[in-house]
Every structure is written in C-alpha cells, then in structure tokens.
C-alpha cells in the first residue's frame, strides 16, 4: 500500500455490541479475510469487499428470484438483496439465532448481503498460505478461491465475484433503479 492510503474502517453493528476494525498501511488489505461459520466449517471472504456486519433483521421476500436469495432488507434507506449462503451451498437450513448476521458486501459498486451463522475473526493470510482448491469433477471454476492456512486454522476462502452471481447483481441493479 502506498503511504497515502487512508485507513479503512469496517463496522459490526449489533444490538449488544459495536466492533470497529481499522486497517492501515501496516496491513496489506489484500491478505485480510473475514472468516465466518456455516455449520462446522469456517469460510473466508476478502475484507476489501466488506462494508459492514449487521445483526439479523426482517428480510422481505420477493418473487421470481433464485432460491438462495432470501429477499431484501432496508438498511438506512438502501434496498439490499440478501443471499442465504447455506441455501447457496445446498446446506440444510438452520433457525436464525442471536449469532446469525448479515455481512454487507460491495461488489463492483453493488451492495449485497450474505446471511451466515456467525462471524469468527479477521485473519491475515498471505498468498503463500493459500492452497489451490481440490479439482473435483469437471474443470469449471467454482466459488472456492483456495484453502487458507494460519497456524492450525484452515478456512475455505471464497471468490466473492463467483459467489455473488450475475443474477444477484442484476437484481440489486433493478432495485436501485426503482428506488431512485
């Protein structure tokens, strides 16, 4: 990072707590991953996509969307589509609880929420600590970026652009256009 880079702040907003994570020139933001739990597994997404983390709230269902799109939320006047990552990964549904959160991402200027079981931590994982995903089945590129290792911890790192399909971006774009 250049010495002119400004610190980035990411907010975790919850009824009971607020957590500010600040990264500056000493941290390479490209090596930082927000890890979260789904069932027994830990997943990670690049922190540079994360705008904030909010507690679970009312999600308004909308028709004619992919099954993994839970609906939309109104976050401070912005209508944001929300993806249930469990459904996206064909995992069994779980009842949302006090640890369930929505991670709000900015993907190419489009806001999208991910519903996850819980948020774990921010891990610094350099490229030499990332193993390529196993090649199972066809050679098509999936949502797994790689397997990130830090000490005894392993997180399945996700490719956010592939996780958030074009359908979701088109859906958000249509809401943004209607709201203006």
C-alpha atoms as a PDB file:
ATOM      1  CA  UNK A   1       0.000   0.000   0.000  1.00  0.00           C
ATOM      2  CA  UNK A   2       1.170   3.499  -0.635  1.00  0.00           C
ATOM      3  CA  UNK A   3       1.927   5.825   2.231  1.00  0.00           C
ATOM      4  CA  UNK A   4      -1.035   7.970   1.105  1.00  0.00           C
ATOM      5  CA  UNK A   5      -3.545   5.186   1.702  1.00  0.00           C
ATOM      6  CA  UNK A   6      -6.171   6.084   4.235  1.00  0.00           C
ATOM      7  CA  UNK A   7      -7.173   3.642   6.970  1.00  0.00           C
ATOM      8  CA  UNK A   8     -10.297   1.656   6.193  1.00  0.00           C
ATOM      9  CA  UNK A   9     -12.886   1.033   8.881  1.00  0.00           C
ATOM     10  CA  UNK A  10     -15.391  -1.825   8.890  1.00  0.00           C
ATOM     11  CA  UNK A  11     -18.291  -1.769  11.301  1.00  0.00           C
ATOM     12  CA  UNK A  12     -20.045  -4.647  13.027  1.00  0.00           C
ATOM     13  CA  UNK A  13     -23.396  -3.374  14.153  1.00  0.00           C
ATOM     14  CA  UNK A  14     -25.320  -5.447  16.665  1.00  0.00           C
ATOM     15  CA  UNK A  15     -27.888  -4.565  19.285  1.00  0.00           C
ATOM     16  CA  UNK A  16     -25.433  -5.537  22.018  1.00  0.00           C
ATOM     17  CA  UNK A  17     -22.067  -4.543  20.632  1.00  0.00           C
ATOM     18  CA  UNK A  18     -20.216  -2.498  18.070  1.00  0.00           C
ATOM     19  CA  UNK A  19     -16.844  -3.608  16.778  1.00  0.00           C
ATOM     20  CA  UNK A  20     -14.682  -1.351  14.624  1.00  0.00           C
ATOM     21  CA  UNK A  21     -11.867  -2.949  12.694  1.00  0.00           C
ATOM     22  CA  UNK A  22      -9.298  -0.472  11.407  1.00  0.00           C
ATOM     23  CA  UNK A  23      -6.629  -1.362   8.886  1.00  0.00           C
ATOM     24  CA  UNK A  24      -3.828   0.973   7.873  1.00  0.00           C
ATOM     25  CA  UNK A  25      -0.581   0.982   5.903  1.00  0.00           C
ATOM     26  CA  UNK A  26       0.926  -1.707   8.130  1.00  0.00           C
ATOM     27  CA  UNK A  27      -1.680  -4.221   6.986  1.00  0.00           C
ATOM     28  CA  UNK A  28      -1.975  -5.474   3.409  1.00  0.00           C
ATOM     29  CA  UNK A  29      -5.732  -5.454   2.999  1.00  0.00           C
ATOM     30  CA  UNK A  30      -5.452  -7.934   0.110  1.00  0.00           C
ATOM     31  CA  UNK A  31      -4.214 -10.535   2.607  1.00  0.00           C
ATOM     32  CA  UNK A  32      -7.070  -9.932   5.088  1.00  0.00           C
ATOM     33  CA  UNK A  33     -10.084 -12.255   5.192  1.00  0.00           C
ATOM     34  CA  UNK A  34     -13.236 -12.014   7.283  1.00  0.00           C
ATOM     35  CA  UNK A  35     -13.973 -15.546   8.445  1.00  0.00           C
ATOM     36  CA  UNK A  36     -17.427 -16.818   9.244  1.00  0.00           C
ATOM     37  CA  UNK A  37     -19.050 -20.074  10.209  1.00  0.00           C
ATOM     38  CA  UNK A  38     -21.575 -22.182   8.358  1.00  0.00           C
ATOM     39  CA  UNK A  39     -22.279 -25.360  10.259  1.00  0.00           C
ATOM     40  CA  UNK A  40     -18.959 -26.881  11.303  1.00  0.00           C
ATOM     41  CA  UNK A  41     -16.888 -25.175   8.597  1.00  0.00           C
ATOM     42  CA  UNK A  42     -15.049 -21.844   8.500  1.00  0.00           C
ATOM     43  CA  UNK A  43     -15.192 -19.751   5.347  1.00  0.00           C
ATOM     44  CA  UNK A  44     -13.428 -16.536   4.454  1.00  0.00           C
ATOM     45  CA  UNK A  45     -14.056 -13.598   2.141  1.00  0.00           C
ATOM     46  CA  UNK A  46     -11.731 -10.758   1.233  1.00  0.00           C
ATOM     47  CA  UNK A  47     -12.161  -7.945   3.756  1.00  0.00           C
ATOM     48  CA  UNK A  48     -11.893  -5.401   0.949  1.00  0.00           C
ATOM     49  CA  UNK A  49     -15.442  -6.370  -0.123  1.00  0.00           C
ATOM     50  CA  UNK A  50     -16.965  -5.980   3.365  1.00  0.00           C
ATOM     51  CA  UNK A  51     -18.719  -2.717   4.187  1.00  0.00           C
ATOM     52  CA  UNK A  52     -20.344  -3.753   7.461  1.00  0.00           C
ATOM     53  CA  UNK A  53     -21.807  -6.578   9.505  1.00  0.00           C
ATOM     54  CA  UNK A  54     -25.332  -6.210  10.868  1.00  0.00           C
ATOM     55  CA  UNK A  55     -27.428  -8.387  13.124  1.00  0.00           C
ATOM     56  CA  UNK A  56     -30.184 -10.445  11.577  1.00  0.00           C
ATOM     57  CA  UNK A  57     -33.256  -8.381  10.800  1.00  0.00           C
ATOM     58  CA  UNK A  58     -36.524  -8.629   8.929  1.00  0.00           C
ATOM     59  CA  UNK A  59     -35.978  -9.823   5.368  1.00  0.00           C
ATOM     60  CA  UNK A  60     -38.752  -9.021   2.891  1.00  0.00           C
ATOM     61  CA  UNK A  61     -39.343 -11.882   0.471  1.00  0.00           C
ATOM     62  CA  UNK A  62     -39.540 -11.042  -3.218  1.00  0.00           C
ATOM     63  CA  UNK A  63     -40.899 -13.202  -6.060  1.00  0.00           C
ATOM     64  CA  UNK A  64     -39.026 -14.547  -9.082  1.00  0.00           C
ATOM     65  CA  UNK A  65     -35.555 -14.733  -7.558  1.00  0.00           C
ATOM     66  CA  UNK A  66     -33.139 -17.657  -7.269  1.00  0.00           C
ATOM     67  CA  UNK A  67     -33.931 -19.930  -4.293  1.00  0.00           C
ATOM     68  CA  UNK A  68     -30.806 -18.842  -2.395  1.00  0.00           C
ATOM     69  CA  UNK A  69     -31.943 -15.203  -2.380  1.00  0.00           C
ATOM     70  CA  UNK A  70     -33.804 -14.817   0.908  1.00  0.00           C
ATOM     71  CA  UNK A  71     -35.191 -11.408  -0.092  1.00  0.00           C
ATOM     72  CA  UNK A  72     -34.207  -7.813   0.572  1.00  0.00           C
ATOM     73  CA  UNK A  73     -33.514  -5.622   3.587  1.00  0.00           C
ATOM     74  CA  UNK A  74     -33.853  -1.879   4.009  1.00  0.00           C
ATOM     75  CA  UNK A  75     -30.588  -0.706   5.512  1.00  0.00           C
ATOM     76  CA  UNK A  76     -30.664   3.023   6.196  1.00  0.00           C
ATOM     77  CA  UNK A  77     -32.796   3.666   3.127  1.00  0.00           C
ATOM     78  CA  UNK A  78     -30.907   1.315   0.792  1.00  0.00           C
ATOM     79  CA  UNK A  79     -32.670  -1.781  -0.503  1.00  0.00           C
ATOM     80  CA  UNK A  80     -30.149  -4.621  -0.452  1.00  0.00           C
ATOM     81  CA  UNK A  81     -30.716  -8.176  -1.731  1.00  0.00           C
ATOM     82  CA  UNK A  82     -29.753 -10.829   0.804  1.00  0.00           C
ATOM     83  CA  UNK A  83     -28.353 -14.260  -0.018  1.00  0.00           C
ATOM     84  CA  UNK A  84     -28.667 -17.159   2.405  1.00  0.00           C
ATOM     85  CA  UNK A  85     -25.233 -18.731   1.975  1.00  0.00           C
ATOM     86  CA  UNK A  86     -26.482 -22.035   3.447  1.00  0.00           C
ATOM     87  CA  UNK A  87     -29.032 -22.268   0.615  1.00  0.00           C
ATOM     88  CA  UNK A  88     -26.432 -21.187  -1.938  1.00  0.00           C
ATOM     89  CA  UNK A  89     -24.251 -24.113  -0.811  1.00  0.00           C
ATOM     90  CA  UNK A  90     -27.215 -26.547  -0.623  1.00  0.00           C
ATOM     91  CA  UNK A  91     -26.761 -26.978   3.134  1.00  0.00           C
ATOM     92  CA  UNK A  92     -29.668 -27.782   5.460  1.00  0.00           C
ATOM     93  CA  UNK A  93     -31.499 -24.716   6.763  1.00  0.00           C
ATOM     94  CA  UNK A  94     -30.998 -23.659  10.367  1.00  0.00           C
ATOM     95  CA  UNK A  95     -33.165 -21.444  12.529  1.00  0.00           C
ATOM     96  CA  UNK A  96     -31.627 -17.985  12.752  1.00  0.00           C
ATOM     97  CA  UNK A  97     -30.373 -17.107  16.225  1.00  0.00           C
ATOM     98  CA  UNK A  98     -28.616 -14.275  18.061  1.00  0.00           C
ATOM     99  CA  UNK A  99     -25.296 -15.114  16.337  1.00  0.00           C
ATOM    100  CA  UNK A 100     -26.741 -15.081  12.812  1.00  0.00           C
ATOM    101  CA  UNK A 101     -25.565 -11.986  10.952  1.00  0.00           C
ATOM    102  CA  UNK A 102     -25.711 -10.330   7.562  1.00  0.00           C
ATOM    103  CA  UNK A 103     -22.358  -9.418   6.035  1.00  0.00           C
ATOM    104  CA  UNK A 104     -22.910  -6.495   3.666  1.00  0.00           C
ATOM    105  CA  UNK A 105     -20.571  -6.569   0.670  1.00  0.00           C
ATOM    106  CA  UNK A 106     -19.781  -4.049  -2.033  1.00  0.00           C
ATOM    107  CA  UNK A 107     -19.126  -5.998  -5.229  1.00  0.00           C
ATOM    108  CA  UNK A 108     -18.288  -3.688  -8.121  1.00  0.00           C
ATOM    109  CA  UNK A 109     -20.357  -0.887  -6.598  1.00  0.00           C
ATOM    110  CA  UNK A 110     -23.340  -3.140  -5.841  1.00  0.00           C
ATOM    111  CA  UNK A 111     -24.368  -3.828  -2.218  1.00  0.00           C
ATOM    112  CA  UNK A 112     -25.292  -7.421  -1.382  1.00  0.00           C
ATOM    113  CA  UNK A 113     -25.904  -9.105   1.997  1.00  0.00           C
ATOM    114  CA  UNK A 114     -24.791 -12.594   2.973  1.00  0.00           C
ATOM    115  CA  UNK A 115     -26.627 -14.397   5.780  1.00  0.00           C
ATOM    116  CA  UNK A 116     -24.147 -16.535   7.738  1.00  0.00           C
ATOM    117  CA  UNK A 117     -24.333 -18.494  11.008  1.00  0.00           C
ATOM    118  CA  UNK A 118     -21.710 -16.336  12.752  1.00  0.00           C
ATOM    119  CA  UNK A 119     -18.667 -14.154  12.201  1.00  0.00           C
ATOM    120  CA  UNK A 120     -15.401 -15.503  13.575  1.00  0.00           C
ATOM    121  CA  UNK A 121     -12.454 -13.181  13.060  1.00  0.00           C
ATOM    122  CA  UNK A 122     -10.304 -11.319  10.571  1.00  0.00           C
ATOM    123  CA  UNK A 123      -7.350 -13.443   9.502  1.00  0.00           C
ATOM    124  CA  UNK A 124      -4.248 -12.298   7.674  1.00  0.00           C
ATOM    125  CA  UNK A 125      -3.460 -14.985   5.107  1.00  0.00           C
ATOM    126  CA  UNK A 126      -0.703 -14.310   2.567  1.00  0.00           C
ATOM    127  CA  UNK A 127      -0.829 -15.901  -0.875  1.00  0.00           C
ATOM    128  CA  UNK A 128       1.834 -18.462   0.094  1.00  0.00           C
ATOM    129  CA  UNK A 129      -0.513 -19.737   2.842  1.00  0.00           C
ATOM    130  CA  UNK A 130      -3.316 -20.470   0.341  1.00  0.00           C
ATOM    131  CA  UNK A 131      -3.580 -23.901  -1.255  1.00  0.00           C
ATOM    132  CA  UNK A 132      -5.446 -24.291  -4.520  1.00  0.00           C
ATOM    133  CA  UNK A 133      -8.911 -25.840  -4.197  1.00  0.00           C
ATOM    134  CA  UNK A 134      -9.173 -29.549  -4.915  1.00  0.00           C
ATOM    135  CA  UNK A 135     -10.122 -30.302  -8.525  1.00  0.00           C
ATOM    136  CA  UNK A 136     -13.198 -32.461  -8.118  1.00  0.00           C
ATOM    137  CA  UNK A 137     -15.482 -33.236 -11.029  1.00  0.00           C
ATOM    138  CA  UNK A 138     -15.362 -31.009 -14.089  1.00  0.00           C
ATOM    139  CA  UNK A 139     -12.736 -28.329 -14.586  1.00  0.00           C
ATOM    140  CA  UNK A 140     -15.161 -25.429 -14.328  1.00  0.00           C
ATOM    141  CA  UNK A 141     -14.214 -22.697 -11.901  1.00  0.00           C
ATOM    142  CA  UNK A 142     -16.233 -22.729  -8.697  1.00  0.00           C
ATOM    143  CA  UNK A 143     -16.701 -20.342  -5.801  1.00  0.00           C
ATOM    144  CA  UNK A 144     -13.711 -21.658  -3.833  1.00  0.00           C
ATOM    145  CA  UNK A 145     -10.658 -19.424  -4.184  1.00  0.00           C
ATOM    146  CA  UNK A 146      -8.484 -21.709  -2.079  1.00  0.00           C
ATOM    147  CA  UNK A 147      -7.820 -23.129   1.362  1.00  0.00           C
ATOM    148  CA  UNK A 148      -6.233 -20.542   3.640  1.00  0.00           C
ATOM    149  CA  UNK A 149      -3.996 -21.736   6.458  1.00  0.00           C
ATOM    150  CA  UNK A 150      -2.900 -19.795   9.502  1.00  0.00           C
ATOM    151  CA  UNK A 151      -1.261 -21.915  12.171  1.00  0.00           C
ATOM    152  CA  UNK A 152      -3.633 -24.804  12.934  1.00  0.00           C
ATOM    153  CA  UNK A 153      -6.644 -22.985  11.433  1.00  0.00           C
ATOM    154  CA  UNK A 154      -7.955 -23.606   7.922  1.00  0.00           C
ATOM    155  CA  UNK A 155     -10.616 -21.520   6.195  1.00  0.00           C
ATOM    156  CA  UNK A 156     -12.291 -22.154   2.859  1.00  0.00           C
ATOM    157  CA  UNK A 157     -11.663 -18.882   1.022  1.00  0.00           C
ATOM    158  CA  UNK A 158     -14.423 -17.843  -1.367  1.00  0.00           C
ATOM    159  CA  UNK A 159     -14.268 -15.985  -4.650  1.00  0.00           C
ATOM    160  CA  UNK A 160     -16.820 -13.235  -3.973  1.00  0.00           C
ATOM    161  CA  UNK A 161     -17.474 -12.434  -7.638  1.00  0.00           C
ATOM    162  CA  UNK A 162     -18.381 -16.053  -8.349  1.00  0.00           C
ATOM    163  CA  UNK A 163     -20.339 -16.457  -5.115  1.00  0.00           C
ATOM    164  CA  UNK A 164     -22.427 -13.427  -5.981  1.00  0.00           C
ATOM    165  CA  UNK A 165     -23.769 -14.423  -9.352  1.00  0.00           C
ATOM    166  CA  UNK A 166     -24.775 -12.058 -12.138  1.00  0.00           C
ATOM    167  CA  UNK A 167     -28.425 -12.746 -11.208  1.00  0.00           C
ATOM    168  CA  UNK A 168     -27.889 -11.136  -7.812  1.00  0.00           C
ATOM    169  CA  UNK A 169     -26.131  -8.108  -9.270  1.00  0.00           C
ATOM    170  CA  UNK A 170     -28.937  -7.715 -11.833  1.00  0.00           C
ATOM    171  CA  UNK A 171     -31.485  -7.992  -9.012  1.00  0.00           C
ATOM    172  CA  UNK A 172     -29.762  -5.267  -6.962  1.00  0.00           C
ATOM    173  CA  UNK A 173     -29.441  -3.035 -10.026  1.00  0.00           C
ATOM    174  CA  UNK A 174     -33.183  -3.299 -10.641  1.00  0.00           C
ATOM    175  CA  UNK A 175     -33.946  -2.332  -7.011  1.00  0.00           C
ATOM    176  CA  UNK A 176     -31.541   0.607  -7.182  1.00  0.00           C
ATOM    177  CA  UNK A 177     -33.151   1.876 -10.371  1.00  0.00           C
ATOM    178  CA  UNK A 178     -36.686   1.610  -8.928  1.00  0.00           C
ATOM    179  CA  UNK A 179     -35.695   3.322  -5.664  1.00  0.00           C
ATOM    180  CA  UNK A 180     -34.302   6.417  -7.418  1.00  0.00           C
END
